[in-house]
């Protein structure tokens, strides 16, 4: 997951450098007034999103598989804990039933 995130940031940084170069060379339009930095960042985000979607497909699938495995492991651990709690409650109830039967 960290690898995928770093790759996305790398693509964004590359787009940021390219867009910054295009804006300051006059090829791409500048933002209005003091909004030029925001314009460069937003344009970089818009350009990097589809590039990341296409270029990082395999890495995204790999990260997704890791997340699914982790969720399945957590679910199985939770189910195991639930069954242990149920057994403990049943054992306590049986023990209380035996002591009440002996005292009656």
C-alpha atoms as a PDB file:
ATOM      1  CA  UNK A   1       0.000   0.000   0.000  1.00  0.00           C
ATOM      2  CA  UNK A   2       2.864   2.356   0.823  1.00  0.00           C
ATOM      3  CA  UNK A   3       4.502   1.555  -2.502  1.00  0.00           C
ATOM      4  CA  UNK A   4       1.321   2.473  -4.394  1.00  0.00           C
ATOM      5  CA  UNK A   5       0.998   5.744  -2.476  1.00  0.00           C
ATOM      6  CA  UNK A   6       4.611   6.674  -3.153  1.00  0.00           C
ATOM      7  CA  UNK A   7       4.178   5.887  -6.836  1.00  0.00           C
ATOM      8  CA  UNK A   8       1.092   8.133  -6.958  1.00  0.00           C
ATOM      9  CA  UNK A   9       3.015  10.923  -5.268  1.00  0.00           C
ATOM     10  CA  UNK A  10       5.852  10.449  -7.751  1.00  0.00           C
ATOM     11  CA  UNK A  11       3.504  10.774 -10.714  1.00  0.00           C
ATOM     12  CA  UNK A  12       1.946  13.869  -9.136  1.00  0.00           C
ATOM     13  CA  UNK A  13       5.379  15.410  -8.522  1.00  0.00           C
ATOM     14  CA  UNK A  14       6.381  14.744 -12.121  1.00  0.00           C
ATOM     15  CA  UNK A  15       3.184  16.347 -13.396  1.00  0.00           C
ATOM     16  CA  UNK A  16       3.719  19.287 -11.054  1.00  0.00           C
ATOM     17  CA  UNK A  17       7.189  19.921 -12.477  1.00  0.00           C
ATOM     18  CA  UNK A  18       5.965  19.617 -16.077  1.00  0.00           C
ATOM     19  CA  UNK A  19       2.937  21.871 -15.533  1.00  0.00           C
ATOM     20  CA  UNK A  20       5.052  24.414 -13.653  1.00  0.00           C
ATOM     21  CA  UNK A  21       7.484  24.485 -16.576  1.00  0.00           C
ATOM     22  CA  UNK A  22       4.670  24.861 -19.106  1.00  0.00           C
ATOM     23  CA  UNK A  23       2.971  27.664 -17.158  1.00  0.00           C
ATOM     24  CA  UNK A  24       6.138  29.654 -16.561  1.00  0.00           C
ATOM     25  CA  UNK A  25       7.322  29.226 -20.149  1.00  0.00           C
ATOM     26  CA  UNK A  26       4.000  30.647 -21.335  1.00  0.00           C
ATOM     27  CA  UNK A  27       2.809  27.508 -23.148  1.00  0.00           C
ATOM     28  CA  UNK A  28       0.030  26.846 -20.632  1.00  0.00           C
ATOM     29  CA  UNK A  29      -2.156  29.720 -19.333  1.00  0.00           C
ATOM     30  CA  UNK A  30      -1.337  31.378 -16.023  1.00  0.00           C
ATOM     31  CA  UNK A  31      -3.760  31.632 -13.109  1.00  0.00           C
ATOM     32  CA  UNK A  32      -5.489  34.883 -12.217  1.00  0.00           C
ATOM     33  CA  UNK A  33      -3.599  37.187  -9.873  1.00  0.00           C
ATOM     34  CA  UNK A  34      -2.028  35.371  -6.939  1.00  0.00           C
ATOM     35  CA  UNK A  35      -3.794  32.086  -7.728  1.00  0.00           C
ATOM     36  CA  UNK A  36      -1.041  30.883 -10.068  1.00  0.00           C
ATOM     37  CA  UNK A  37       0.356  28.348  -7.565  1.00  0.00           C
ATOM     38  CA  UNK A  38      -3.101  26.950  -6.912  1.00  0.00           C
ATOM     39  CA  UNK A  39      -3.695  26.734 -10.664  1.00  0.00           C
ATOM     40  CA  UNK A  40      -0.479  24.756 -11.159  1.00  0.00           C
ATOM     41  CA  UNK A  41      -1.329  22.339  -8.320  1.00  0.00           C
ATOM     42  CA  UNK A  42      -4.929  21.789  -9.476  1.00  0.00           C
ATOM     43  CA  UNK A  43      -3.880  21.286 -13.085  1.00  0.00           C
ATOM     44  CA  UNK A  44      -1.234  18.802 -11.926  1.00  0.00           C
ATOM     45  CA  UNK A  45      -3.852  16.878  -9.929  1.00  0.00           C
ATOM     46  CA  UNK A  46      -6.209  16.737 -12.898  1.00  0.00           C
ATOM     47  CA  UNK A  47      -3.458  15.489 -15.204  1.00  0.00           C
ATOM     48  CA  UNK A  48      -1.894  13.001 -12.764  1.00  0.00           C
ATOM     49  CA  UNK A  49      -5.176  11.273 -11.839  1.00  0.00           C
ATOM     50  CA  UNK A  50      -5.843   9.547 -15.183  1.00  0.00           C
ATOM     51  CA  UNK A  51      -2.142   8.802 -15.645  1.00  0.00           C
ATOM     52  CA  UNK A  52      -2.073   7.083 -12.252  1.00  0.00           C
ATOM     53  CA  UNK A  53      -5.288   5.234 -13.011  1.00  0.00           C
ATOM     54  CA  UNK A  54      -3.817   3.695 -16.148  1.00  0.00           C
ATOM     55  CA  UNK A  55      -0.139   3.369 -15.241  1.00  0.00           C
ATOM     56  CA  UNK A  56      -0.610   1.962 -11.724  1.00  0.00           C
ATOM     57  CA  UNK A  57      -3.370  -0.553 -12.445  1.00  0.00           C
ATOM     58  CA  UNK A  58      -1.267  -3.607 -11.514  1.00  0.00           C
ATOM     59  CA  UNK A  59       0.068  -1.971  -8.370  1.00  0.00           C
ATOM     60  CA  UNK A  60      -3.455  -0.902  -7.347  1.00  0.00           C
ATOM     61  CA  UNK A  61      -4.702  -4.478  -7.808  1.00  0.00           C
ATOM     62  CA  UNK A  62      -1.794  -5.771  -5.721  1.00  0.00           C
ATOM     63  CA  UNK A  63      -2.544  -3.261  -2.947  1.00  0.00           C
ATOM     64  CA  UNK A  64      -6.229  -4.164  -3.092  1.00  0.00           C
ATOM     65  CA  UNK A  65      -5.401  -7.850  -2.687  1.00  0.00           C
ATOM     66  CA  UNK A  66      -3.304  -7.032   0.389  1.00  0.00           C
ATOM     67  CA  UNK A  67      -6.176  -5.076   1.912  1.00  0.00           C
ATOM     68  CA  UNK A  68      -8.615  -7.931   1.235  1.00  0.00           C
ATOM     69  CA  UNK A  69      -6.251 -10.443   2.865  1.00  0.00           C
ATOM     70  CA  UNK A  70      -5.862  -8.227   5.914  1.00  0.00           C
ATOM     71  CA  UNK A  71      -9.639  -7.778   6.254  1.00  0.00           C
ATOM     72  CA  UNK A  72     -10.180 -11.551   5.971  1.00  0.00           C
ATOM     73  CA  UNK A  73      -7.535 -12.181   8.630  1.00  0.00           C
ATOM     74  CA  UNK A  74      -9.145  -9.642  10.977  1.00  0.00           C
ATOM     75  CA  UNK A  75     -12.579 -11.195  10.386  1.00  0.00           C
ATOM     76  CA  UNK A  76     -11.304 -14.695  11.168  1.00  0.00           C
ATOM     77  CA  UNK A  77      -9.549 -13.451  14.322  1.00  0.00           C
ATOM     78  CA  UNK A  78     -12.725 -11.684  15.412  1.00  0.00           C
ATOM     79  CA  UNK A  79     -14.787 -14.824  14.831  1.00  0.00           C
ATOM     80  CA  UNK A  80     -12.270 -16.905  16.791  1.00  0.00           C
ATOM     81  CA  UNK A  81     -12.458 -14.423  19.668  1.00  0.00           C
ATOM     82  CA  UNK A  82     -16.260 -14.526  19.596  1.00  0.00           C
ATOM     83  CA  UNK A  83     -16.329 -18.301  19.793  1.00  0.00           C
ATOM     84  CA  UNK A  84     -13.855 -18.243  22.696  1.00  0.00           C
ATOM     85  CA  UNK A  85     -16.039 -15.735  24.544  1.00  0.00           C
ATOM     86  CA  UNK A  86     -19.119 -17.869  23.917  1.00  0.00           C
ATOM     87  CA  UNK A  87     -17.335 -20.953  25.255  1.00  0.00           C
ATOM     88  CA  UNK A  88     -16.180 -19.036  28.327  1.00  0.00           C
ATOM     89  CA  UNK A  89     -19.713 -17.803  29.027  1.00  0.00           C
ATOM     90  CA  UNK A  90     -21.081 -21.348  28.596  1.00  0.00           C
ATOM     91  CA  UNK A  91     -18.435 -22.732  30.971  1.00  0.00           C
ATOM     92  CA  UNK A  92     -19.324 -20.131  33.601  1.00  0.00           C
ATOM     93  CA  UNK A  93     -23.037 -20.870  33.208  1.00  0.00           C
ATOM     94  CA  UNK A  94     -22.402 -24.633  33.591  1.00  0.00           C
ATOM     95  CA  UNK A  95     -20.265 -24.061  36.663  1.00  0.00           C
ATOM     96  CA  UNK A  96     -22.927 -21.848  38.228  1.00  0.00           C
ATOM     97  CA  UNK A  97     -25.594 -24.460  37.422  1.00  0.00           C
ATOM     98  CA  UNK A  98     -23.533 -27.161  39.154  1.00  0.00           C
ATOM     99  CA  UNK A  99     -22.985 -25.071  42.276  1.00  0.00           C
ATOM    100  CA  UNK A 100     -26.653 -24.144  42.468  1.00  0.00           C
ATOM    101  CA  UNK A 101     -27.620 -27.821  42.045  1.00  0.00           C
ATOM    102  CA  UNK A 102     -25.298 -28.821  44.895  1.00  0.00           C
ATOM    103  CA  UNK A 103     -26.630 -26.161  47.263  1.00  0.00           C
ATOM    104  CA  UNK A 104     -30.308 -26.971  46.641  1.00  0.00           C
END
